[in-house]
Amino acid sequence: MSQLEDAATNGEVVDLRPPPKPDEITRFYWEAAAEGRLVLQRCDACSRFQYPPELVCTYCQHEGFEPTEVSGQATLYSFALVERAFHAGFVNQVPYVLAMIELAEQPGLRMLTNILDADPEELAIGMELELCFDAIGEQQLPQFRPAKVLR
């Protein structure tokens, strides 16, 4: 019997993906995600955003930050279709799209994420993306999907 079958209750499969573990450096990020917002560190000295959260600015080494909400607008920088689970918690997720996206707020501000609600065959480098969220247990994960174009 597989881990997923062991975890099944009443015919429903339990999500076995490991949830994030907020710490003192990342807590602001996960608390904002729980509210449906994407909040990143913005350096008090050079005003640059950075992701993932760190102790010091990766650009100027300053130690002061202001957690700042960003728009959630992005473009697809690179992606790969994952067809094999490398962790038992992702067996029920394959295939999925793992992507590097670039946020609109700053050139070079990139995030590793998943692309949801998309046919991998229709993804294209440079396409517009928008923020969405995916739950693992009670934790919300910032993810992205193709932007809805209003016509």
N, C-alpha and C. Protein backbone atom coordinates (compact mmCIF):
# COMPACT_ATOMS: atom_id res chain seq x y z
N MET A 1 0.86 -1.18 0.00
CA MET A 1 0.00 0.00 0.00
C MET A 1 0.90 1.24 0.00
N SER A 2 0.60 2.21 -0.87
CA SER A 2 1.42 3.42 -0.98
C SER A 2 1.14 4.38 0.16
N GLN A 3 2.04 5.38 0.30
CA GLN A 3 1.85 6.40 1.33
C GLN A 3 0.55 7.15 1.10
N LEU A 4 0.22 7.40 -0.18
CA LEU A 4 -1.03 8.11 -0.47
C LEU A 4 -2.23 7.27 -0.09
N GLU A 5 -2.16 5.97 -0.35
CA GLU A 5 -3.27 5.10 0.03
C GLU A 5 -3.39 5.02 1.54
N ASP A 6 -2.24 4.95 2.24
CA ASP A 6 -2.26 4.94 3.70
C ASP A 6 -2.91 6.21 4.25
N ALA A 7 -2.68 7.32 3.56
CA ALA A 7 -3.18 8.61 4.03
C ALA A 7 -4.63 8.85 3.63
N ALA A 8 -5.16 8.04 2.73
CA ALA A 8 -6.53 8.25 2.25
C ALA A 8 -7.53 7.99 3.38
N THR A 9 -8.51 8.86 3.46
CA THR A 9 -9.58 8.69 4.43
C THR A 9 -10.90 8.91 3.72
N ASN A 10 -11.79 7.97 3.85
CA ASN A 10 -13.10 8.07 3.21
C ASN A 10 -13.01 8.35 1.72
N GLY A 11 -12.02 7.74 1.07
CA GLY A 11 -11.89 7.92 -0.37
C GLY A 11 -11.21 9.21 -0.79
N GLU A 12 -10.86 10.08 0.15
CA GLU A 12 -10.19 11.33 -0.19
C GLU A 12 -8.71 11.20 0.13
N VAL A 13 -7.88 11.69 -0.79
CA VAL A 13 -6.44 11.63 -0.57
C VAL A 13 -6.01 12.87 0.20
N VAL A 14 -5.22 12.65 1.22
CA VAL A 14 -4.71 13.74 2.05
C VAL A 14 -3.51 14.38 1.35
N ASP A 15 -3.43 15.70 1.40
CA ASP A 15 -2.30 16.42 0.81
C ASP A 15 -1.07 16.17 1.67
N LEU A 16 -0.08 15.48 1.11
CA LEU A 16 1.12 15.12 1.85
C LEU A 16 2.31 16.04 1.57
N ARG A 17 2.08 17.13 0.80
CA ARG A 17 3.17 18.06 0.55
C ARG A 17 3.62 18.67 1.87
N PRO A 18 4.91 18.80 2.08
CA PRO A 18 5.37 19.40 3.33
C PRO A 18 5.02 20.89 3.37
N PRO A 19 4.38 21.34 4.44
CA PRO A 19 4.05 22.77 4.52
C PRO A 19 5.29 23.59 4.85
N PRO A 20 5.28 24.86 4.46
CA PRO A 20 6.40 25.73 4.83
C PRO A 20 6.47 25.88 6.35
N LYS A 21 7.65 26.17 6.83
CA LYS A 21 7.86 26.37 8.27
C LYS A 21 8.37 27.79 8.50
N PRO A 22 7.45 28.72 8.77
CA PRO A 22 7.86 30.11 9.01
C PRO A 22 8.84 30.20 10.18
N ASP A 23 9.79 31.12 10.03
CA ASP A 23 10.72 31.42 11.12
C ASP A 23 10.74 32.93 11.29
N GLU A 24 11.64 33.44 12.10
CA GLU A 24 11.67 34.87 12.38
C GLU A 24 11.94 35.70 11.13
N ILE A 25 12.68 35.16 10.18
CA ILE A 25 13.00 35.90 8.96
C ILE A 25 11.84 35.88 7.96
N THR A 26 11.11 34.77 7.89
CA THR A 26 10.07 34.60 6.87
C THR A 26 8.65 34.79 7.38
N ARG A 27 8.46 34.96 8.65
CA ARG A 27 7.11 35.02 9.23
C ARG A 27 6.22 36.08 8.55
N PHE A 28 6.76 37.28 8.27
CA PHE A 28 5.97 38.34 7.64
C PHE A 28 5.44 37.88 6.28
N TYR A 29 6.27 37.13 5.54
CA TYR A 29 5.91 36.64 4.21
C TYR A 29 4.72 35.67 4.29
N TRP A 30 4.80 34.71 5.21
CA TRP A 30 3.74 33.70 5.34
C TRP A 30 2.46 34.28 5.94
N GLU A 31 2.59 35.23 6.85
CA GLU A 31 1.40 35.88 7.42
C GLU A 31 0.66 36.67 6.34
N ALA A 32 1.39 37.36 5.48
CA ALA A 32 0.77 38.09 4.37
C ALA A 32 0.11 37.12 3.38
N ALA A 33 0.78 36.02 3.09
CA ALA A 33 0.21 35.01 2.18
C ALA A 33 -1.10 34.47 2.73
N ALA A 34 -1.19 34.28 4.03
CA ALA A 34 -2.42 33.80 4.66
C ALA A 34 -3.56 34.79 4.46
N GLU A 35 -3.22 36.06 4.23
CA GLU A 35 -4.21 37.10 3.98
C GLU A 35 -4.44 37.33 2.49
N GLY A 36 -3.79 36.52 1.64
CA GLY A 36 -3.95 36.67 0.19
C GLY A 36 -3.12 37.80 -0.40
N ARG A 37 -1.98 38.11 0.23
CA ARG A 37 -1.11 39.18 -0.25
C ARG A 37 0.30 38.66 -0.45
N LEU A 38 1.00 39.25 -1.41
CA LEU A 38 2.41 38.93 -1.63
C LEU A 38 3.22 40.10 -1.11
N VAL A 39 3.99 39.85 -0.06
CA VAL A 39 4.78 40.89 0.61
C VAL A 39 6.24 40.45 0.60
N LEU A 40 7.11 41.35 0.13
CA LEU A 40 8.54 41.07 0.05
C LEU A 40 9.32 42.08 0.88
N GLN A 41 10.56 41.74 1.14
CA GLN A 41 11.45 42.68 1.82
C GLN A 41 11.86 43.77 0.84
N ARG A 42 11.86 45.02 1.33
CA ARG A 42 12.38 46.14 0.55
C ARG A 42 13.45 46.81 1.41
N CYS A 43 14.64 46.91 0.88
CA CYS A 43 15.77 47.45 1.63
C CYS A 43 15.56 48.92 1.98
N ASP A 44 15.82 49.27 3.24
CA ASP A 44 15.72 50.66 3.69
C ASP A 44 16.79 51.55 3.07
N ALA A 45 17.93 50.97 2.68
CA ALA A 45 19.05 51.76 2.15
C ALA A 45 18.99 51.94 0.64
N CYS A 46 18.83 50.85 -0.12
CA CYS A 46 18.89 50.95 -1.58
C CYS A 46 17.51 50.83 -2.25
N SER A 47 16.47 50.57 -1.46
CA SER A 47 15.08 50.49 -1.93
C SER A 47 14.80 49.32 -2.87
N ARG A 48 15.70 48.35 -2.95
CA ARG A 48 15.47 47.21 -3.82
C ARG A 48 14.70 46.13 -3.08
N PHE A 49 13.83 45.45 -3.84
CA PHE A 49 13.12 44.30 -3.30
C PHE A 49 14.04 43.09 -3.37
N GLN A 50 13.79 42.13 -2.49
CA GLN A 50 14.50 40.86 -2.61
C GLN A 50 13.61 39.71 -2.19
N TYR A 51 13.88 38.59 -2.84
CA TYR A 51 13.23 37.32 -2.54
C TYR A 51 14.25 36.23 -2.81
N PRO A 52 14.34 35.25 -1.94
CA PRO A 52 13.59 35.04 -0.70
C PRO A 52 14.07 35.95 0.43
N PRO A 53 13.32 35.99 1.52
CA PRO A 53 13.73 36.81 2.66
C PRO A 53 15.10 36.39 3.19
N GLU A 54 15.89 37.38 3.54
CA GLU A 54 17.25 37.17 4.06
C GLU A 54 17.51 38.10 5.23
N LEU A 55 18.63 37.88 5.91
CA LEU A 55 19.02 38.75 7.03
C LEU A 55 19.56 40.08 6.57
N VAL A 56 20.23 40.10 5.42
CA VAL A 56 20.81 41.34 4.89
C VAL A 56 20.42 41.49 3.43
N CYS A 57 20.47 42.70 2.94
CA CYS A 57 20.17 42.97 1.54
C CYS A 57 21.24 42.32 0.66
N THR A 58 20.79 41.57 -0.33
CA THR A 58 21.73 40.88 -1.22
C THR A 58 22.41 41.85 -2.18
N TYR A 59 21.94 43.10 -2.25
CA TYR A 59 22.52 44.10 -3.15
C TYR A 59 23.53 45.00 -2.44
N CYS A 60 23.19 45.47 -1.23
CA CYS A 60 24.07 46.44 -0.55
C CYS A 60 24.50 46.02 0.85
N GLN A 61 24.04 44.87 1.32
CA GLN A 61 24.38 44.30 2.63
C GLN A 61 23.79 45.05 3.82
N HIS A 62 22.86 45.96 3.57
CA HIS A 62 22.17 46.67 4.65
C HIS A 62 21.29 45.67 5.40
N GLU A 63 21.07 45.92 6.69
CA GLU A 63 20.30 44.99 7.51
C GLU A 63 18.86 45.42 7.77
N GLY A 64 18.45 46.56 7.25
CA GLY A 64 17.10 47.04 7.53
C GLY A 64 16.16 46.87 6.34
N PHE A 65 14.96 46.38 6.62
CA PHE A 65 13.97 46.15 5.58
C PHE A 65 12.60 46.66 5.99
N GLU A 66 11.79 46.97 4.98
CA GLU A 66 10.38 47.28 5.19
C GLU A 66 9.59 46.23 4.41
N PRO A 67 8.79 45.40 5.08
CA PRO A 67 7.94 44.48 4.33
C PRO A 67 6.97 45.29 3.48
N THR A 68 6.96 45.03 2.18
CA THR A 68 6.20 45.85 1.24
C THR A 68 5.38 44.96 0.31
N GLU A 69 4.11 45.26 0.18
CA GLU A 69 3.24 44.48 -0.71
C GLU A 69 3.56 44.81 -2.16
N VAL A 70 3.61 43.77 -3.00
CA VAL A 70 3.83 43.94 -4.43
C VAL A 70 2.56 43.54 -5.18
N SER A 71 2.51 43.90 -6.45
CA SER A 71 1.28 43.76 -7.25
C SER A 71 0.88 42.34 -7.57
N GLY A 72 1.82 41.44 -7.65
CA GLY A 72 1.51 40.08 -8.08
C GLY A 72 1.48 39.93 -9.59
N GLN A 73 1.88 40.97 -10.30
CA GLN A 73 2.00 40.90 -11.76
C GLN A 73 3.42 40.45 -12.09
N ALA A 74 3.52 39.54 -13.06
CA ALA A 74 4.83 38.97 -13.38
C ALA A 74 4.85 38.49 -14.82
N THR A 75 6.04 38.13 -15.26
CA THR A 75 6.19 37.46 -16.56
C THR A 75 6.94 36.16 -16.34
N LEU A 76 6.70 35.23 -17.23
CA LEU A 76 7.34 33.92 -17.15
C LEU A 76 8.77 34.03 -17.68
N TYR A 77 9.74 33.74 -16.83
CA TYR A 77 11.16 33.85 -17.18
C TYR A 77 11.69 32.51 -17.71
N SER A 78 11.31 31.41 -17.04
CA SER A 78 11.72 30.06 -17.43
C SER A 78 10.81 29.06 -16.75
N PHE A 79 10.71 27.86 -17.29
CA PHE A 79 9.87 26.85 -16.66
C PHE A 79 10.26 25.45 -17.08
N ALA A 80 9.80 24.48 -16.28
CA ALA A 80 10.01 23.07 -16.59
C ALA A 80 8.77 22.29 -16.16
N LEU A 81 8.43 21.29 -16.90
CA LEU A 81 7.33 20.40 -16.54
C LEU A 81 7.91 19.27 -15.71
N VAL A 82 7.46 19.14 -14.47
CA VAL A 82 7.93 18.09 -13.57
C VAL A 82 6.97 16.91 -13.71
N GLU A 83 7.50 15.79 -14.15
CA GLU A 83 6.68 14.61 -14.39
C GLU A 83 6.99 13.46 -13.45
N ARG A 84 7.94 13.68 -12.57
CA ARG A 84 8.33 12.64 -11.61
C ARG A 84 8.42 13.27 -10.23
N ALA A 85 7.77 12.66 -9.27
CA ALA A 85 7.81 13.18 -7.90
C ALA A 85 9.13 12.80 -7.24
N PHE A 86 9.83 13.79 -6.72
CA PHE A 86 11.08 13.55 -6.04
C PHE A 86 10.89 13.55 -4.52
N HIS A 87 9.65 13.66 -4.09
CA HIS A 87 9.27 13.62 -2.68
C HIS A 87 7.88 12.98 -2.63
N ALA A 88 7.67 12.09 -1.70
CA ALA A 88 6.39 11.36 -1.62
C ALA A 88 5.19 12.30 -1.54
N GLY A 89 5.37 13.47 -0.97
CA GLY A 89 4.26 14.40 -0.84
C GLY A 89 3.78 14.99 -2.16
N PHE A 90 4.56 14.83 -3.23
CA PHE A 90 4.21 15.40 -4.52
C PHE A 90 3.72 14.37 -5.53
N VAL A 91 3.59 13.12 -5.11
CA VAL A 91 3.15 12.05 -6.01
C VAL A 91 1.81 12.40 -6.65
N ASN A 92 0.92 12.96 -5.88
CA ASN A 92 -0.42 13.28 -6.37
C ASN A 92 -0.46 14.59 -7.16
N GLN A 93 0.66 15.30 -7.25
CA GLN A 93 0.71 16.60 -7.92
C GLN A 93 1.23 16.52 -9.35
N VAL A 94 2.00 15.49 -9.68
CA VAL A 94 2.60 15.41 -11.01
C VAL A 94 1.55 15.13 -12.08
N PRO A 95 1.70 15.68 -13.26
CA PRO A 95 2.73 16.64 -13.63
C PRO A 95 2.37 18.04 -13.14
N TYR A 96 3.39 18.84 -12.88
CA TYR A 96 3.17 20.23 -12.50
C TYR A 96 4.27 21.08 -13.12
N VAL A 97 4.02 22.38 -13.19
CA VAL A 97 4.97 23.29 -13.81
C VAL A 97 5.71 24.06 -12.72
N LEU A 98 7.02 23.91 -12.72
CA LEU A 98 7.91 24.65 -11.85
C LEU A 98 8.47 25.79 -12.68
N ALA A 99 8.42 27.01 -12.16
CA ALA A 99 8.81 28.16 -12.98
C ALA A 99 9.63 29.18 -12.21
N MET A 100 10.42 29.91 -12.96
CA MET A 100 11.09 31.11 -12.47
C MET A 100 10.33 32.26 -13.12
N ILE A 101 9.82 33.13 -12.30
CA ILE A 101 9.05 34.27 -12.81
C ILE A 101 9.77 35.55 -12.44
N GLU A 102 9.49 36.61 -13.19
CA GLU A 102 10.06 37.92 -12.87
C GLU A 102 8.93 38.86 -12.49
N LEU A 103 8.99 39.39 -11.29
CA LEU A 103 7.95 40.29 -10.81
C LEU A 103 8.07 41.66 -11.47
N ALA A 104 6.92 42.32 -11.67
CA ALA A 104 6.86 43.58 -12.39
C ALA A 104 7.55 44.74 -11.67
N GLU A 105 7.70 44.64 -10.37
CA GLU A 105 8.20 45.78 -9.58
C GLU A 105 9.66 46.13 -9.83
N GLN A 106 10.45 45.16 -10.33
CA GLN A 106 11.89 45.43 -10.43
C GLN A 106 12.53 44.46 -11.41
N PRO A 107 13.27 44.95 -12.38
CA PRO A 107 13.98 44.04 -13.29
C PRO A 107 14.89 43.10 -12.50
N GLY A 108 14.85 41.83 -12.83
CA GLY A 108 15.69 40.85 -12.16
C GLY A 108 15.13 40.32 -10.86
N LEU A 109 13.97 40.80 -10.42
CA LEU A 109 13.35 40.31 -9.19
C LEU A 109 12.61 39.02 -9.53
N ARG A 110 13.24 37.91 -9.24
CA ARG A 110 12.70 36.62 -9.66
C ARG A 110 12.32 35.76 -8.47
N MET A 111 11.35 34.89 -8.74
CA MET A 111 10.80 34.01 -7.73
C MET A 111 10.64 32.62 -8.32
N LEU A 112 10.98 31.60 -7.57
CA LEU A 112 10.72 30.23 -7.95
C LEU A 112 9.33 29.89 -7.45
N THR A 113 8.49 29.36 -8.33
CA THR A 113 7.09 29.14 -7.99
C THR A 113 6.52 28.03 -8.88
N ASN A 114 5.25 27.76 -8.73
CA ASN A 114 4.54 26.86 -9.62
C ASN A 114 3.58 27.68 -10.47
N ILE A 115 3.30 27.18 -11.67
CA ILE A 115 2.29 27.79 -12.52
C ILE A 115 1.07 26.90 -12.44
N LEU A 116 -0.04 27.47 -12.02
CA LEU A 116 -1.30 26.74 -11.86
C LEU A 116 -2.26 27.10 -12.99
N ASP A 117 -3.29 26.28 -13.15
CA ASP A 117 -4.38 26.57 -14.10
C ASP A 117 -3.88 26.84 -15.51
N ALA A 118 -2.91 26.06 -15.97
CA ALA A 118 -2.36 26.30 -17.31
C ALA A 118 -2.02 24.98 -17.99
N ASP A 119 -2.25 24.94 -19.27
CA ASP A 119 -1.79 23.83 -20.09
C ASP A 119 -0.32 24.09 -20.40
N PRO A 120 0.58 23.20 -19.99
CA PRO A 120 2.01 23.43 -20.23
C PRO A 120 2.34 23.70 -21.69
N GLU A 121 1.56 23.15 -22.60
CA GLU A 121 1.79 23.35 -24.04
C GLU A 121 1.55 24.81 -24.45
N GLU A 122 0.77 25.54 -23.65
CA GLU A 122 0.42 26.92 -23.99
C GLU A 122 1.30 27.95 -23.28
N LEU A 123 2.22 27.49 -22.44
CA LEU A 123 3.10 28.42 -21.74
C LEU A 123 4.18 28.93 -22.69
N ALA A 124 4.55 30.19 -22.52
CA ALA A 124 5.59 30.80 -23.35
C ALA A 124 6.40 31.78 -22.52
N ILE A 125 7.71 31.75 -22.70
CA ILE A 125 8.58 32.69 -22.01
C ILE A 125 8.10 34.11 -22.32
N GLY A 126 8.01 34.94 -21.29
CA GLY A 126 7.58 36.32 -21.46
C GLY A 126 6.08 36.52 -21.28
N MET A 127 5.31 35.43 -21.17
CA MET A 127 3.86 35.61 -21.02
C MET A 127 3.54 36.24 -19.67
N GLU A 128 2.45 36.99 -19.64
CA GLU A 128 2.03 37.67 -18.43
C GLU A 128 1.39 36.69 -17.46
N LEU A 129 1.71 36.87 -16.19
CA LEU A 129 1.20 36.01 -15.13
C LEU A 129 0.58 36.87 -14.03
N GLU A 130 -0.27 36.23 -13.24
CA GLU A 130 -0.87 36.91 -12.09
C GLU A 130 -0.79 36.01 -10.86
N LEU A 131 -0.78 36.64 -9.73
CA LEU A 131 -0.70 35.95 -8.45
C LEU A 131 -1.97 35.17 -8.17
N CYS A 132 -1.81 33.99 -7.61
CA CYS A 132 -2.92 33.21 -7.07
C CYS A 132 -2.36 32.46 -5.86
N PHE A 133 -3.19 31.72 -5.17
CA PHE A 133 -2.73 31.03 -3.98
C PHE A 133 -3.17 29.58 -4.01
N ASP A 134 -2.37 28.74 -3.38
CA ASP A 134 -2.62 27.31 -3.28
C ASP A 134 -2.43 26.94 -1.82
N ALA A 135 -3.36 26.21 -1.25
CA ALA A 135 -3.28 25.86 0.17
C ALA A 135 -2.58 24.53 0.38
N ILE A 136 -1.70 24.51 1.36
CA ILE A 136 -1.16 23.26 1.91
C ILE A 136 -1.58 23.29 3.36
N GLY A 137 -2.57 22.48 3.68
CA GLY A 137 -3.13 22.53 5.02
C GLY A 137 -3.73 23.90 5.24
N GLU A 138 -3.31 24.56 6.31
CA GLU A 138 -3.82 25.90 6.61
C GLU A 138 -2.94 27.00 6.03
N GLN A 139 -1.82 26.65 5.42
CA GLN A 139 -0.89 27.64 4.88
C GLN A 139 -1.20 27.92 3.41
N GLN A 140 -1.21 29.19 3.06
CA GLN A 140 -1.40 29.60 1.66
C GLN A 140 -0.04 29.82 1.01
N LEU A 141 0.14 29.25 -0.18
CA LEU A 141 1.38 29.41 -0.93
C LEU A 141 1.16 30.37 -2.09
N PRO A 142 1.94 31.44 -2.18
CA PRO A 142 1.85 32.30 -3.37
C PRO A 142 2.30 31.50 -4.60
N GLN A 143 1.47 31.47 -5.61
CA GLN A 143 1.74 30.78 -6.86
C GLN A 143 1.32 31.73 -7.98
N PHE A 144 1.46 31.31 -9.23
CA PHE A 144 1.09 32.16 -10.34
C PHE A 144 0.32 31.37 -11.39
N ARG A 145 -0.43 32.08 -12.21
CA ARG A 145 -1.18 31.48 -13.33
C ARG A 145 -1.17 32.49 -14.47
N PRO A 146 -1.47 32.03 -15.70
CA PRO A 146 -1.54 32.98 -16.81
C PRO A 146 -2.54 34.10 -16.49
N ALA A 147 -2.15 35.33 -16.80
CA ALA A 147 -3.01 36.49 -16.53
C ALA A 147 -4.25 36.42 -17.41
N LYS A 148 -5.35 36.79 -16.82
CA LYS A 148 -6.60 36.89 -17.57
C LYS A 148 -6.56 38.18 -18.36
N VAL A 149 -6.69 38.08 -19.65
CA VAL A 149 -6.64 39.25 -20.50
C VAL A 149 -8.07 39.71 -20.76
N LEU A 150 -8.36 40.96 -20.41
CA LEU A 150 -9.69 41.52 -20.65
C LEU A 150 -9.75 42.04 -22.08
N ARG A 151 -10.78 41.65 -22.79
CA ARG A 151 -10.93 42.10 -24.18
C ARG A 151 -12.22 42.83 -24.34
